[in-house]
Amino acid sequence: MKRFLFFLILLLALSGCTQKSEEGIRTEIYTAGTNYFESMQKSVEELDQSPSKSVISNSDHFKDVCTKKFDYSKLSKKETKFIDSVGDLRIAYEHVTDSRNPKYKDSFNEEAALSEFNSLSQKFINNYKVDK
């Protein structure tokens, strides 16, 4: 009986380590990704010309969660699709900030970069039920 209780407690403890959001993505990955996305959105709204400290910090945290905390090769298809979506947003975000940076003035069109970022943002919000 003691072994059964021990096993049950261990099972409950382990299940808490891999909780999933309602989208079927591990909570820690979902939270890190949405925080990263929200910091990119805020940076775009504030007309930043280069990634803000918040974006860099959230980027590092998201990378650590996806590569160090969990084995990327063992994530579900939903999780890898979520991570790829955040990656697409990051690329679009960098195009926006670069388009605003005088150093890269002729390399990127701000209007096109903003349009792409906003389009990907809306798709991300719709797909992953992110609060605006």
C-alpha atoms as a PDB file:
ATOM      1  CA  MET A   1       0.000   0.000   0.000  1.00  0.00           C
ATOM      2  CA  LYS A   2       2.852   2.388   0.820  1.00  0.00           C
ATOM      3  CA  ARG A   3       4.405   1.723  -2.578  1.00  0.00           C
ATOM      4  CA  PHE A   4       1.118   2.492  -4.294  1.00  0.00           C
ATOM      5  CA  LEU A   5       0.762   5.806  -2.439  1.00  0.00           C
ATOM      6  CA  PHE A   6       4.370   6.679  -3.181  1.00  0.00           C
ATOM      7  CA  PHE A   7       3.831   5.882  -6.869  1.00  0.00           C
ATOM      8  CA  LEU A   8       0.624   7.937  -6.938  1.00  0.00           C
ATOM      9  CA  ILE A   9       2.307  10.955  -5.316  1.00  0.00           C
ATOM     10  CA  LEU A  10       5.250  10.668  -7.698  1.00  0.00           C
ATOM     11  CA  LEU A  11       2.906  10.465 -10.681  1.00  0.00           C
ATOM     12  CA  LEU A  12       1.002  13.557  -9.558  1.00  0.00           C
ATOM     13  CA  ALA A  13       4.228  15.471  -8.996  1.00  0.00           C
ATOM     14  CA  LEU A  14       5.550  14.579 -12.432  1.00  0.00           C
ATOM     15  CA  SER A  15       2.311  15.463 -14.159  1.00  0.00           C
ATOM     16  CA  GLY A  16       2.592  18.958 -12.693  1.00  0.00           C
ATOM     17  CA  CYS A  17       5.990  19.352 -14.347  1.00  0.00           C
ATOM     18  CA  THR A  18       4.541  18.953 -17.815  1.00  0.00           C
ATOM     19  CA  GLN A  19       1.286  20.856 -17.596  1.00  0.00           C
ATOM     20  CA  LYS A  20      -0.031  21.960 -20.928  1.00  0.00           C
ATOM     21  CA  SER A  21      -1.928  25.074 -21.883  1.00  0.00           C
ATOM     22  CA  GLU A  22      -5.320  24.715 -23.477  1.00  0.00           C
ATOM     23  CA  GLU A  23      -3.550  24.880 -26.861  1.00  0.00           C
ATOM     24  CA  GLY A  24      -1.703  21.614 -26.088  1.00  0.00           C
ATOM     25  CA  ILE A  25       1.643  23.290 -25.490  1.00  0.00           C
ATOM     26  CA  ARG A  26       3.695  22.912 -22.318  1.00  0.00           C
ATOM     27  CA  THR A  27       2.796  25.827 -20.068  1.00  0.00           C
ATOM     28  CA  GLU A  28       6.385  26.964 -19.629  1.00  0.00           C
ATOM     29  CA  ILE A  29       7.000  27.084 -23.393  1.00  0.00           C
ATOM     30  CA  TYR A  30       3.670  28.842 -24.001  1.00  0.00           C
ATOM     31  CA  THR A  31       4.323  31.438 -21.288  1.00  0.00           C
ATOM     32  CA  ALA A  32       7.885  32.148 -22.442  1.00  0.00           C
ATOM     33  CA  GLY A  33       6.746  32.451 -26.067  1.00  0.00           C
ATOM     34  CA  THR A  34       3.807  34.730 -25.369  1.00  0.00           C
ATOM     35  CA  ASN A  35       5.919  36.944 -23.071  1.00  0.00           C
ATOM     36  CA  TYR A  36       8.511  37.220 -25.836  1.00  0.00           C
ATOM     37  CA  PHE A  37       5.799  38.062 -28.377  1.00  0.00           C
ATOM     38  CA  GLU A  38       4.272  40.713 -26.092  1.00  0.00           C
ATOM     39  CA  SER A  39       7.672  42.360 -25.560  1.00  0.00           C
ATOM     40  CA  MET A  40       8.185  42.501 -29.344  1.00  0.00           C
ATOM     41  CA  GLN A  41       4.733  44.061 -29.784  1.00  0.00           C
ATOM     42  CA  LYS A  42       5.470  46.690 -27.142  1.00  0.00           C
ATOM     43  CA  SER A  43       8.822  47.479 -28.730  1.00  0.00           C
ATOM     44  CA  VAL A  44       7.186  47.943 -32.150  1.00  0.00           C
ATOM     45  CA  GLU A  45       4.554  50.239 -30.632  1.00  0.00           C
ATOM     46  CA  GLU A  46       7.280  52.304 -28.944  1.00  0.00           C
ATOM     47  CA  LEU A  47       9.008  52.783 -32.323  1.00  0.00           C
ATOM     48  CA  ASP A  48      12.266  51.169 -31.161  1.00  0.00           C
ATOM     49  CA  GLN A  49      15.143  51.268 -33.636  1.00  0.00           C
ATOM     50  CA  SER A  50      16.834  48.230 -32.131  1.00  0.00           C
ATOM     51  CA  PRO A  51      15.689  45.357 -29.898  1.00  0.00           C
ATOM     52  CA  SER A  52      14.847  46.563 -26.390  1.00  0.00           C
ATOM     53  CA  LYS A  53      16.346  45.011 -23.263  1.00  0.00           C
ATOM     54  CA  SER A  54      12.992  43.372 -22.565  1.00  0.00           C
ATOM     55  CA  VAL A  55      12.950  41.717 -25.990  1.00  0.00           C
ATOM     56  CA  ILE A  56      16.509  40.458 -25.592  1.00  0.00           C
ATOM     57  CA  SER A  57      15.804  39.138 -22.093  1.00  0.00           C
ATOM     58  CA  ASN A  58      12.613  37.378 -23.206  1.00  0.00           C
ATOM     59  CA  SER A  59      14.395  36.003 -26.269  1.00  0.00           C
ATOM     60  CA  ASP A  60      17.123  34.482 -24.102  1.00  0.00           C
ATOM     61  CA  HIS A  61      14.569  33.016 -21.707  1.00  0.00           C
ATOM     62  CA  PHE A  62      12.494  31.526 -24.547  1.00  0.00           C
ATOM     63  CA  LYS A  63      15.611  29.975 -26.083  1.00  0.00           C
ATOM     64  CA  ASP A  64      16.659  28.498 -22.732  1.00  0.00           C
ATOM     65  CA  VAL A  65      13.218  27.004 -22.121  1.00  0.00           C
ATOM     66  CA  CYS A  66      13.042  25.470 -25.597  1.00  0.00           C
ATOM     67  CA  THR A  67      16.591  24.104 -25.742  1.00  0.00           C
ATOM     68  CA  LYS A  68      17.865  23.594 -22.207  1.00  0.00           C
ATOM     69  CA  LYS A  69      14.758  22.806 -20.175  1.00  0.00           C
ATOM     70  CA  PHE A  70      13.130  20.601 -22.819  1.00  0.00           C
ATOM     71  CA  ASP A  71      14.651  18.479 -25.576  1.00  0.00           C
ATOM     72  CA  TYR A  72      13.533  20.274 -28.737  1.00  0.00           C
ATOM     73  CA  SER A  73      13.683  17.038 -30.753  1.00  0.00           C
ATOM     74  CA  LYS A  74      11.098  15.454 -28.445  1.00  0.00           C
ATOM     75  CA  LEU A  75       8.520  18.248 -28.504  1.00  0.00           C
ATOM     76  CA  SER A  76       5.090  17.687 -30.026  1.00  0.00           C
ATOM     77  CA  LYS A  77       4.159  18.998 -33.480  1.00  0.00           C
ATOM     78  CA  LYS A  78       1.974  21.654 -31.834  1.00  0.00           C
ATOM     79  CA  GLU A  79       4.901  22.804 -29.712  1.00  0.00           C
ATOM     80  CA  THR A  80       7.361  22.979 -32.603  1.00  0.00           C
ATOM     81  CA  LYS A  81       4.789  24.847 -34.711  1.00  0.00           C
ATOM     82  CA  PHE A  82       4.327  27.324 -31.826  1.00  0.00           C
ATOM     83  CA  ILE A  83       8.095  27.799 -31.519  1.00  0.00           C
ATOM     84  CA  ASP A  84       8.422  28.276 -35.285  1.00  0.00           C
ATOM     85  CA  SER A  85       5.642  30.898 -35.171  1.00  0.00           C
ATOM     86  CA  VAL A  86       7.550  32.814 -32.499  1.00  0.00           C
ATOM     87  CA  GLY A  87      10.662  32.536 -34.682  1.00  0.00           C
ATOM     88  CA  ASP A  88       8.799  33.980 -37.674  1.00  0.00           C
ATOM     89  CA  LEU A  89       7.627  36.856 -35.478  1.00  0.00           C
ATOM     90  CA  ARG A  90      11.196  37.470 -34.329  1.00  0.00           C
ATOM     91  CA  ILE A  91      12.420  37.765 -37.922  1.00  0.00           C
ATOM     92  CA  ALA A  92       9.579  40.149 -38.819  1.00  0.00           C
ATOM     93  CA  TYR A  93      10.279  42.132 -35.624  1.00  0.00           C
ATOM     94  CA  GLU A  94      13.949  42.513 -36.546  1.00  0.00           C
ATOM     95  CA  HIS A  95      12.951  43.788 -39.987  1.00  0.00           C
ATOM     96  CA  VAL A  96      10.744  46.419 -38.323  1.00  0.00           C
ATOM     97  CA  THR A  97      13.453  47.625 -35.948  1.00  0.00           C
ATOM     98  CA  ASP A  98      16.081  47.566 -38.696  1.00  0.00           C
ATOM     99  CA  SER A  99      13.790  49.569 -40.996  1.00  0.00           C
ATOM    100  CA  ARG A 100      13.645  52.279 -38.316  1.00  0.00           C
ATOM    101  CA  ASN A 101      17.368  52.287 -37.679  1.00  0.00           C
ATOM    102  CA  PRO A 102      19.192  54.991 -39.696  1.00  0.00           C
ATOM    103  CA  LYS A 103      22.110  52.575 -40.079  1.00  0.00           C
ATOM    104  CA  TYR A 104      19.935  50.288 -42.265  1.00  0.00           C
ATOM    105  CA  LYS A 105      17.687  52.975 -43.755  1.00  0.00           C
ATOM    106  CA  ASP A 106      17.860  51.762 -47.360  1.00  0.00           C
ATOM    107  CA  SER A 107      17.804  48.038 -46.551  1.00  0.00           C
ATOM    108  CA  PHE A 108      14.233  47.663 -45.276  1.00  0.00           C
ATOM    109  CA  ASN A 109      10.904  49.276 -46.066  1.00  0.00           C
ATOM    110  CA  GLU A 110       9.261  50.154 -42.739  1.00  0.00           C
ATOM    111  CA  GLU A 111       5.714  49.976 -44.080  1.00  0.00           C
ATOM    112  CA  ALA A 112       6.222  46.497 -45.568  1.00  0.00           C
ATOM    113  CA  ALA A 113       8.047  45.263 -42.457  1.00  0.00           C
ATOM    114  CA  LEU A 114       5.294  46.592 -40.193  1.00  0.00           C
ATOM    115  CA  SER A 115       2.606  45.026 -42.364  1.00  0.00           C
ATOM    116  CA  GLU A 116       4.329  41.631 -42.182  1.00  0.00           C
ATOM    117  CA  PHE A 117       4.808  41.870 -38.409  1.00  0.00           C
ATOM    118  CA  ASN A 118       1.183  42.902 -37.851  1.00  0.00           C
ATOM    119  CA  SER A 119      -0.082  40.100 -40.091  1.00  0.00           C
ATOM    120  CA  LEU A 120       1.986  37.470 -38.266  1.00  0.00           C
ATOM    121  CA  SER A 121       0.973  38.974 -34.905  1.00  0.00           C
ATOM    122  CA  GLN A 122      -2.716  38.681 -35.719  1.00  0.00           C
ATOM    123  CA  LYS A 123      -2.278  35.101 -36.897  1.00  0.00           C
ATOM    124  CA  PHE A 124      -0.368  34.296 -33.682  1.00  0.00           C
ATOM    125  CA  ILE A 125      -3.061  35.898 -31.513  1.00  0.00           C
ATOM    126  CA  ASN A 126      -5.799  33.975 -33.314  1.00  0.00           C
ATOM    127  CA  ASN A 127      -3.978  30.630 -33.291  1.00  0.00           C
ATOM    128  CA  TYR A 128      -2.789  30.742 -29.694  1.00  0.00           C
ATOM    129  CA  LYS A 129      -5.527  32.747 -27.959  1.00  0.00           C
ATOM    130  CA  VAL A 130      -3.164  35.468 -26.761  1.00  0.00           C
ATOM    131  CA  ASP A 131      -4.736  38.446 -25.013  1.00  0.00           C
ATOM    132  CA  LYS A 132      -4.091  41.733 -26.770  1.00  0.00           C
END
